[in-house]
């Protein structure tokens, strides 16, 4: 994640800029961070999400849509839905979020969601370390947040983290096999890993090695 340089922005300035921008950006600690897989420090250098990333995100959205048609009470939001964490002042656009019960928002425009129970991030080369590390730490400040699903777009690799009743986060599922099934406790649903990776052009089921 690379910040736009020099200026310190207030949350109000960020939101005003975001409403007018032609691309999405996240906000944390006074800095604005353009989203996407990119090289360089400016929005003009952004290349957008890779095809595998987009395919996985669409697959996840489709599978959850089917599940929620039969199981009411929860709903999912795509990557266009911004999430806000008041205690950290992070504004973020997860690849997918799920809310159970009534959605809650931070403003009258209902543009910044505050009560997800499940957050999904599709990992890419430029975001994997941040999504697994600092961003996960910031997400954990959301009181309703209970499950974190990570799906790698560079290889077959799925992880599920879950918060216990005591507030302890643990790795509950990790798989590199298309035949495995991940159980999401928050929505009482199962996802076949092969369905998540449909149309991703045969990503490897092997340990990823950085060249």
C-alpha atoms as a PDB file:
ATOM      1  CA  UNK A   1       0.000   0.000   0.000  1.00  0.00           C
ATOM      2  CA  UNK A   2       1.536   3.296  -1.148  1.00  0.00           C
ATOM      3  CA  UNK A   3       0.253   6.663   0.088  1.00  0.00           C
ATOM      4  CA  UNK A   4      -0.314   9.803  -1.885  1.00  0.00           C
ATOM      5  CA  UNK A   5       2.612  11.986  -0.729  1.00  0.00           C
ATOM      6  CA  UNK A   6       3.109  15.091   1.420  1.00  0.00           C
ATOM      7  CA  UNK A   7      -0.353  16.234   2.531  1.00  0.00           C
ATOM      8  CA  UNK A   8      -2.070  15.192   5.768  1.00  0.00           C
ATOM      9  CA  UNK A   9      -5.793  14.742   5.108  1.00  0.00           C
ATOM     10  CA  UNK A  10      -8.640  14.901   7.579  1.00  0.00           C
ATOM     11  CA  UNK A  11     -11.373  12.221   7.344  1.00  0.00           C
ATOM     12  CA  UNK A  12     -13.739  14.893   6.046  1.00  0.00           C
ATOM     13  CA  UNK A  13     -11.303  15.871   3.277  1.00  0.00           C
ATOM     14  CA  UNK A  14     -10.850  12.237   2.331  1.00  0.00           C
ATOM     15  CA  UNK A  15     -14.590  11.608   2.084  1.00  0.00           C
ATOM     16  CA  UNK A  16     -15.079  14.726  -0.026  1.00  0.00           C
ATOM     17  CA  UNK A  17     -12.310  13.668  -2.411  1.00  0.00           C
ATOM     18  CA  UNK A  18     -13.581  10.106  -2.513  1.00  0.00           C
ATOM     19  CA  UNK A  19     -17.033  11.187  -3.649  1.00  0.00           C
ATOM     20  CA  UNK A  20     -15.491  12.891  -6.690  1.00  0.00           C
ATOM     21  CA  UNK A  21     -12.695  10.442  -7.501  1.00  0.00           C
ATOM     22  CA  UNK A  22     -12.699   8.128 -10.521  1.00  0.00           C
ATOM     23  CA  UNK A  23     -10.908   5.410  -8.501  1.00  0.00           C
ATOM     24  CA  UNK A  24     -11.304   4.085  -4.963  1.00  0.00           C
ATOM     25  CA  UNK A  25      -8.849   4.905  -2.178  1.00  0.00           C
ATOM     26  CA  UNK A  26      -8.536   3.857   1.441  1.00  0.00           C
ATOM     27  CA  UNK A  27      -7.751   6.201   4.316  1.00  0.00           C
ATOM     28  CA  UNK A  28      -5.707   5.745   7.490  1.00  0.00           C
ATOM     29  CA  UNK A  29      -3.753   8.026   9.815  1.00  0.00           C
ATOM     30  CA  UNK A  30      -4.165  11.104   7.642  1.00  0.00           C
ATOM     31  CA  UNK A  31      -3.009   9.428   4.426  1.00  0.00           C
ATOM     32  CA  UNK A  32      -4.923   8.382   1.309  1.00  0.00           C
ATOM     33  CA  UNK A  33      -3.983   5.101  -0.355  1.00  0.00           C
ATOM     34  CA  UNK A  34      -5.097   4.346  -3.960  1.00  0.00           C
ATOM     35  CA  UNK A  35      -6.315   0.790  -4.354  1.00  0.00           C
ATOM     36  CA  UNK A  36      -5.291  -1.858  -6.852  1.00  0.00           C
ATOM     37  CA  UNK A  37      -2.269  -3.764  -8.122  1.00  0.00           C
ATOM     38  CA  UNK A  38       0.060  -1.038  -9.329  1.00  0.00           C
ATOM     39  CA  UNK A  39       3.627   0.048  -9.784  1.00  0.00           C
ATOM     40  CA  UNK A  40       4.534   3.542  -8.676  1.00  0.00           C
ATOM     41  CA  UNK A  41       3.119   6.019  -6.218  1.00  0.00           C
ATOM     42  CA  UNK A  42       0.376   7.724  -8.195  1.00  0.00           C
ATOM     43  CA  UNK A  43      -3.159   6.725  -9.227  1.00  0.00           C
ATOM     44  CA  UNK A  44      -2.131   7.062 -12.869  1.00  0.00           C
ATOM     45  CA  UNK A  45       0.243   4.128 -12.349  1.00  0.00           C
ATOM     46  CA  UNK A  46      -2.524   1.812 -11.212  1.00  0.00           C
ATOM     47  CA  UNK A  47      -3.185  -1.241 -13.374  1.00  0.00           C
ATOM     48  CA  UNK A  48      -6.313  -2.424 -11.570  1.00  0.00           C
ATOM     49  CA  UNK A  49      -7.016  -5.887 -10.227  1.00  0.00           C
ATOM     50  CA  UNK A  50      -5.702  -8.878 -12.150  1.00  0.00           C
ATOM     51  CA  UNK A  51      -8.153 -11.264 -13.916  1.00  0.00           C
ATOM     52  CA  UNK A  52      -7.725 -14.040 -11.341  1.00  0.00           C
ATOM     53  CA  UNK A  53      -8.437 -11.589  -8.522  1.00  0.00           C
ATOM     54  CA  UNK A  54     -11.617 -10.423 -10.235  1.00  0.00           C
ATOM     55  CA  UNK A  55     -12.754 -13.979 -10.987  1.00  0.00           C
ATOM     56  CA  UNK A  56     -12.319 -15.087  -7.360  1.00  0.00           C
ATOM     57  CA  UNK A  57     -14.179 -12.051  -6.072  1.00  0.00           C
ATOM     58  CA  UNK A  58     -17.069 -12.702  -8.458  1.00  0.00           C
ATOM     59  CA  UNK A  59     -17.130 -16.388  -7.525  1.00  0.00           C
ATOM     60  CA  UNK A  60     -17.323 -15.517  -3.833  1.00  0.00           C
ATOM     61  CA  UNK A  61     -20.108 -13.039  -4.433  1.00  0.00           C
ATOM     62  CA  UNK A  62     -22.059 -15.602  -6.469  1.00  0.00           C
ATOM     63  CA  UNK A  63     -21.681 -18.400  -3.933  1.00  0.00           C
ATOM     64  CA  UNK A  64     -22.782 -16.175  -1.062  1.00  0.00           C
ATOM     65  CA  UNK A  65     -25.728 -14.850  -3.070  1.00  0.00           C
ATOM     66  CA  UNK A  66     -26.942 -18.419  -3.592  1.00  0.00           C
ATOM     67  CA  UNK A  67     -26.487 -19.197   0.102  1.00  0.00           C
ATOM     68  CA  UNK A  68     -28.382 -16.112   1.263  1.00  0.00           C
ATOM     69  CA  UNK A  69     -31.317 -16.818  -1.059  1.00  0.00           C
ATOM     70  CA  UNK A  70     -31.949 -19.943   1.014  1.00  0.00           C
ATOM     71  CA  UNK A  71     -30.714 -18.675   4.376  1.00  0.00           C
ATOM     72  CA  UNK A  72     -32.138 -15.309   5.358  1.00  0.00           C
ATOM     73  CA  UNK A  73     -30.822 -12.951   7.992  1.00  0.00           C
ATOM     74  CA  UNK A  74     -27.478 -12.002   6.453  1.00  0.00           C
ATOM     75  CA  UNK A  75     -26.401 -10.221   3.278  1.00  0.00           C
ATOM     76  CA  UNK A  76     -23.146  -9.557   1.462  1.00  0.00           C
ATOM     77  CA  UNK A  77     -21.692  -6.374   0.006  1.00  0.00           C
ATOM     78  CA  UNK A  78     -19.176  -6.178  -2.821  1.00  0.00           C
ATOM     79  CA  UNK A  79     -15.895  -4.258  -2.957  1.00  0.00           C
ATOM     80  CA  UNK A  80     -17.790  -1.029  -3.700  1.00  0.00           C
ATOM     81  CA  UNK A  81     -18.968  -0.986  -0.088  1.00  0.00           C
ATOM     82  CA  UNK A  82     -16.717   1.104   2.126  1.00  0.00           C
ATOM     83  CA  UNK A  83     -16.147   0.019   5.745  1.00  0.00           C
ATOM     84  CA  UNK A  84     -15.320   2.473   8.543  1.00  0.00           C
ATOM     85  CA  UNK A  85     -13.712   1.656  11.896  1.00  0.00           C
ATOM     86  CA  UNK A  86     -14.303   4.603  14.267  1.00  0.00           C
ATOM     87  CA  UNK A  87     -11.672   3.578  16.848  1.00  0.00           C
ATOM     88  CA  UNK A  88      -8.878   3.564  14.245  1.00  0.00           C
ATOM     89  CA  UNK A  89     -10.352   5.967  11.654  1.00  0.00           C
ATOM     90  CA  UNK A  90      -9.653   3.435   8.918  1.00  0.00           C
ATOM     91  CA  UNK A  91     -11.783   3.697   5.784  1.00  0.00           C
ATOM     92  CA  UNK A  92     -11.386   0.550   3.710  1.00  0.00           C
ATOM     93  CA  UNK A  93     -12.923  -1.314   0.775  1.00  0.00           C
ATOM     94  CA  UNK A  94     -12.729  -5.064   1.515  1.00  0.00           C
ATOM     95  CA  UNK A  95     -13.277  -7.373  -1.436  1.00  0.00           C
ATOM     96  CA  UNK A  96     -16.450  -8.592   0.244  1.00  0.00           C
ATOM     97  CA  UNK A  97     -18.196  -8.115   3.584  1.00  0.00           C
ATOM     98  CA  UNK A  98     -21.172  -9.802   5.234  1.00  0.00           C
ATOM     99  CA  UNK A  99     -23.619  -8.275   7.700  1.00  0.00           C
ATOM    100  CA  UNK A 100     -26.091 -10.289   9.747  1.00  0.00           C
ATOM    101  CA  UNK A 101     -29.100  -8.354  10.955  1.00  0.00           C
ATOM    102  CA  UNK A 102     -29.555  -4.665  10.277  1.00  0.00           C
ATOM    103  CA  UNK A 103     -26.599  -2.934   8.585  1.00  0.00           C
ATOM    104  CA  UNK A 104     -25.213   0.077  10.449  1.00  0.00           C
ATOM    105  CA  UNK A 105     -23.524   3.040   8.811  1.00  0.00           C
ATOM    106  CA  UNK A 106     -21.367   5.907  10.013  1.00  0.00           C
ATOM    107  CA  UNK A 107     -23.154   8.710   8.172  1.00  0.00           C
ATOM    108  CA  UNK A 108     -26.481   9.760   6.769  1.00  0.00           C
ATOM    109  CA  UNK A 109     -25.458   8.829   3.218  1.00  0.00           C
ATOM    110  CA  UNK A 110     -25.166   5.156   4.312  1.00  0.00           C
ATOM    111  CA  UNK A 111     -21.840   4.929   2.513  1.00  0.00           C
ATOM    112  CA  UNK A 112     -19.553   3.587   5.264  1.00  0.00           C
ATOM    113  CA  UNK A 113     -20.534   0.294   6.900  1.00  0.00           C
ATOM    114  CA  UNK A 114     -19.542  -0.252  10.537  1.00  0.00           C
ATOM    115  CA  UNK A 115     -20.860  -3.704  11.598  1.00  0.00           C
ATOM    116  CA  UNK A 116     -19.594  -6.535   9.346  1.00  0.00           C
ATOM    117  CA  UNK A 117     -19.359 -10.033  10.853  1.00  0.00           C
ATOM    118  CA  UNK A 118     -17.336 -11.543   8.001  1.00  0.00           C
ATOM    119  CA  UNK A 119     -14.673  -9.824   5.905  1.00  0.00           C
ATOM    120  CA  UNK A 120     -13.129 -11.388   2.792  1.00  0.00           C
ATOM    121  CA  UNK A 121      -9.921 -10.242   1.158  1.00  0.00           C
ATOM    122  CA  UNK A 122      -8.572 -11.643  -2.109  1.00  0.00           C
ATOM    123  CA  UNK A 123      -4.795 -11.496  -1.841  1.00  0.00           C
ATOM    124  CA  UNK A 124      -2.593 -10.089  -4.594  1.00  0.00           C
ATOM    125  CA  UNK A 125       1.143  -9.444  -4.891  1.00  0.00           C
ATOM    126  CA  UNK A 126       0.851  -5.853  -3.706  1.00  0.00           C
ATOM    127  CA  UNK A 127      -1.659  -6.379  -0.869  1.00  0.00           C
ATOM    128  CA  UNK A 128      -0.979  -9.815   0.657  1.00  0.00           C
ATOM    129  CA  UNK A 129       1.356  -8.728   3.451  1.00  0.00           C
ATOM    130  CA  UNK A 130      -0.832  -5.771   4.421  1.00  0.00           C
ATOM    131  CA  UNK A 131      -4.059  -7.808   4.338  1.00  0.00           C
ATOM    132  CA  UNK A 132      -2.534 -10.497   6.557  1.00  0.00           C
ATOM    133  CA  UNK A 133      -0.790  -8.067   8.900  1.00  0.00           C
ATOM    134  CA  UNK A 134      -1.594  -4.462   9.724  1.00  0.00           C
ATOM    135  CA  UNK A 135      -4.966  -4.404   7.981  1.00  0.00           C
ATOM    136  CA  UNK A 136      -6.124  -7.502   9.859  1.00  0.00           C
ATOM    137  CA  UNK A 137      -4.998  -5.850  13.088  1.00  0.00           C
ATOM    138  CA  UNK A 138      -7.069  -2.764  12.269  1.00  0.00           C
ATOM    139  CA  UNK A 139     -10.105  -4.833  11.277  1.00  0.00           C
ATOM    140  CA  UNK A 140     -10.004  -6.568  14.661  1.00  0.00           C
ATOM    141  CA  UNK A 141     -11.094  -3.291  16.263  1.00  0.00           C
ATOM    142  CA  UNK A 142     -14.588  -3.852  14.794  1.00  0.00           C
ATOM    143  CA  UNK A 143     -16.710  -5.275  17.661  1.00  0.00           C
ATOM    144  CA  UNK A 144     -18.988  -7.322  15.377  1.00  0.00           C
ATOM    145  CA  UNK A 145     -16.140  -8.777  13.276  1.00  0.00           C
ATOM    146  CA  UNK A 146     -15.829 -12.553  13.855  1.00  0.00           C
ATOM    147  CA  UNK A 147     -14.391 -14.234  10.734  1.00  0.00           C
ATOM    148  CA  UNK A 148     -11.686 -13.270   8.239  1.00  0.00           C
ATOM    149  CA  UNK A 149     -11.450 -15.225   4.983  1.00  0.00           C
ATOM    150  CA  UNK A 150      -8.306 -14.838   2.851  1.00  0.00           C
ATOM    151  CA  UNK A 151      -8.206 -16.215  -0.693  1.00  0.00           C
ATOM    152  CA  UNK A 152      -4.923 -15.967  -2.593  1.00  0.00           C
ATOM    153  CA  UNK A 153      -5.203 -14.962  -6.253  1.00  0.00           C
ATOM    154  CA  UNK A 154      -1.664 -16.156  -7.141  1.00  0.00           C
ATOM    155  CA  UNK A 155      -2.045 -19.810  -6.128  1.00  0.00           C
ATOM    156  CA  UNK A 156      -4.552 -22.144  -4.494  1.00  0.00           C
ATOM    157  CA  UNK A 157      -4.420 -21.075  -0.850  1.00  0.00           C
ATOM    158  CA  UNK A 158      -7.340 -20.295   1.447  1.00  0.00           C
ATOM    159  CA  UNK A 159      -7.180 -19.281   5.115  1.00  0.00           C
ATOM    160  CA  UNK A 160      -9.976 -18.662   7.621  1.00  0.00           C
ATOM    161  CA  UNK A 161      -9.404 -16.846  10.909  1.00  0.00           C
ATOM    162  CA  UNK A 162     -12.109 -16.838  13.603  1.00  0.00           C
ATOM    163  CA  UNK A 163     -12.600 -14.970  16.886  1.00  0.00           C
ATOM    164  CA  UNK A 164     -13.561 -17.052  19.915  1.00  0.00           C
ATOM    165  CA  UNK A 165     -16.073 -16.040  22.566  1.00  0.00           C
ATOM    166  CA  UNK A 166     -13.065 -14.971  24.639  1.00  0.00           C
ATOM    167  CA  UNK A 167     -11.974 -12.596  21.874  1.00  0.00           C
ATOM    168  CA  UNK A 168      -8.995 -14.687  20.733  1.00  0.00           C
ATOM    169  CA  UNK A 169      -8.322 -14.928  16.988  1.00  0.00           C
ATOM    170  CA  UNK A 170      -7.153 -18.322  15.681  1.00  0.00           C
ATOM    171  CA  UNK A 171      -6.407 -19.861  12.297  1.00  0.00           C
ATOM    172  CA  UNK A 172      -9.290 -22.326  11.885  1.00  0.00           C
ATOM    173  CA  UNK A 173      -8.749 -23.459   8.297  1.00  0.00           C
ATOM    174  CA  UNK A 174      -5.885 -23.510   5.805  1.00  0.00           C
ATOM    175  CA  UNK A 175      -5.875 -25.395   2.524  1.00  0.00           C
ATOM    176  CA  UNK A 176      -4.047 -25.592  -0.788  1.00  0.00           C
ATOM    177  CA  UNK A 177      -6.431 -28.171  -2.269  1.00  0.00           C
ATOM    178  CA  UNK A 178      -9.355 -27.536  -4.605  1.00  0.00           C
ATOM    179  CA  UNK A 179     -11.177 -30.471  -3.027  1.00  0.00           C
ATOM    180  CA  UNK A 180     -11.386 -28.954   0.457  1.00  0.00           C
ATOM    181  CA  UNK A 181     -14.386 -27.167   1.987  1.00  0.00           C
ATOM    182  CA  UNK A 182     -14.253 -24.129   4.255  1.00  0.00           C
ATOM    183  CA  UNK A 183     -17.012 -23.731   6.837  1.00  0.00           C
ATOM    184  CA  UNK A 184     -18.111 -20.193   7.689  1.00  0.00           C
ATOM    185  CA  UNK A 185     -19.589 -20.206  11.164  1.00  0.00           C
ATOM    186  CA  UNK A 186     -20.921 -16.646  10.951  1.00  0.00           C
ATOM    187  CA  UNK A 187     -23.340 -17.575   8.177  1.00  0.00           C
ATOM    188  CA  UNK A 188     -23.544 -21.334   8.777  1.00  0.00           C
ATOM    189  CA  UNK A 189     -22.422 -22.051   5.240  1.00  0.00           C
ATOM    190  CA  UNK A 190     -19.810 -24.134   3.409  1.00  0.00           C
ATOM    191  CA  UNK A 191     -17.730 -23.054   0.418  1.00  0.00           C
ATOM    192  CA  UNK A 192     -15.966 -25.523  -1.869  1.00  0.00           C
ATOM    193  CA  UNK A 193     -12.494 -24.191  -2.638  1.00  0.00           C
ATOM    194  CA  UNK A 194     -12.841 -25.336  -6.260  1.00  0.00           C
ATOM    195  CA  UNK A 195     -15.872 -23.054  -6.655  1.00  0.00           C
ATOM    196  CA  UNK A 196     -13.887 -20.085  -5.358  1.00  0.00           C
ATOM    197  CA  UNK A 197     -11.196 -20.663  -7.993  1.00  0.00           C
ATOM    198  CA  UNK A 198     -13.506 -21.296 -10.939  1.00  0.00           C
ATOM    199  CA  UNK A 199     -12.256 -19.639 -14.173  1.00  0.00           C
ATOM    200  CA  UNK A 200      -8.847 -18.728 -12.772  1.00  0.00           C
ATOM    201  CA  UNK A 201      -6.836 -20.517 -15.471  1.00  0.00           C
ATOM    202  CA  UNK A 202      -5.346 -23.343 -13.431  1.00  0.00           C
ATOM    203  CA  UNK A 203      -3.539 -21.592 -10.618  1.00  0.00           C
ATOM    204  CA  UNK A 204      -0.927 -23.855  -8.977  1.00  0.00           C
ATOM    205  CA  UNK A 205      -1.780 -26.027  -5.965  1.00  0.00           C
ATOM    206  CA  UNK A 206       1.786 -25.647  -4.696  1.00  0.00           C
ATOM    207  CA  UNK A 207       3.702 -23.541  -2.222  1.00  0.00           C
ATOM    208  CA  UNK A 208       4.226 -20.060  -3.625  1.00  0.00           C
ATOM    209  CA  UNK A 209       7.857 -19.094  -4.128  1.00  0.00           C
ATOM    210  CA  UNK A 210       8.935 -15.481  -4.531  1.00  0.00           C
ATOM    211  CA  UNK A 211      11.395 -15.120  -7.403  1.00  0.00           C
END
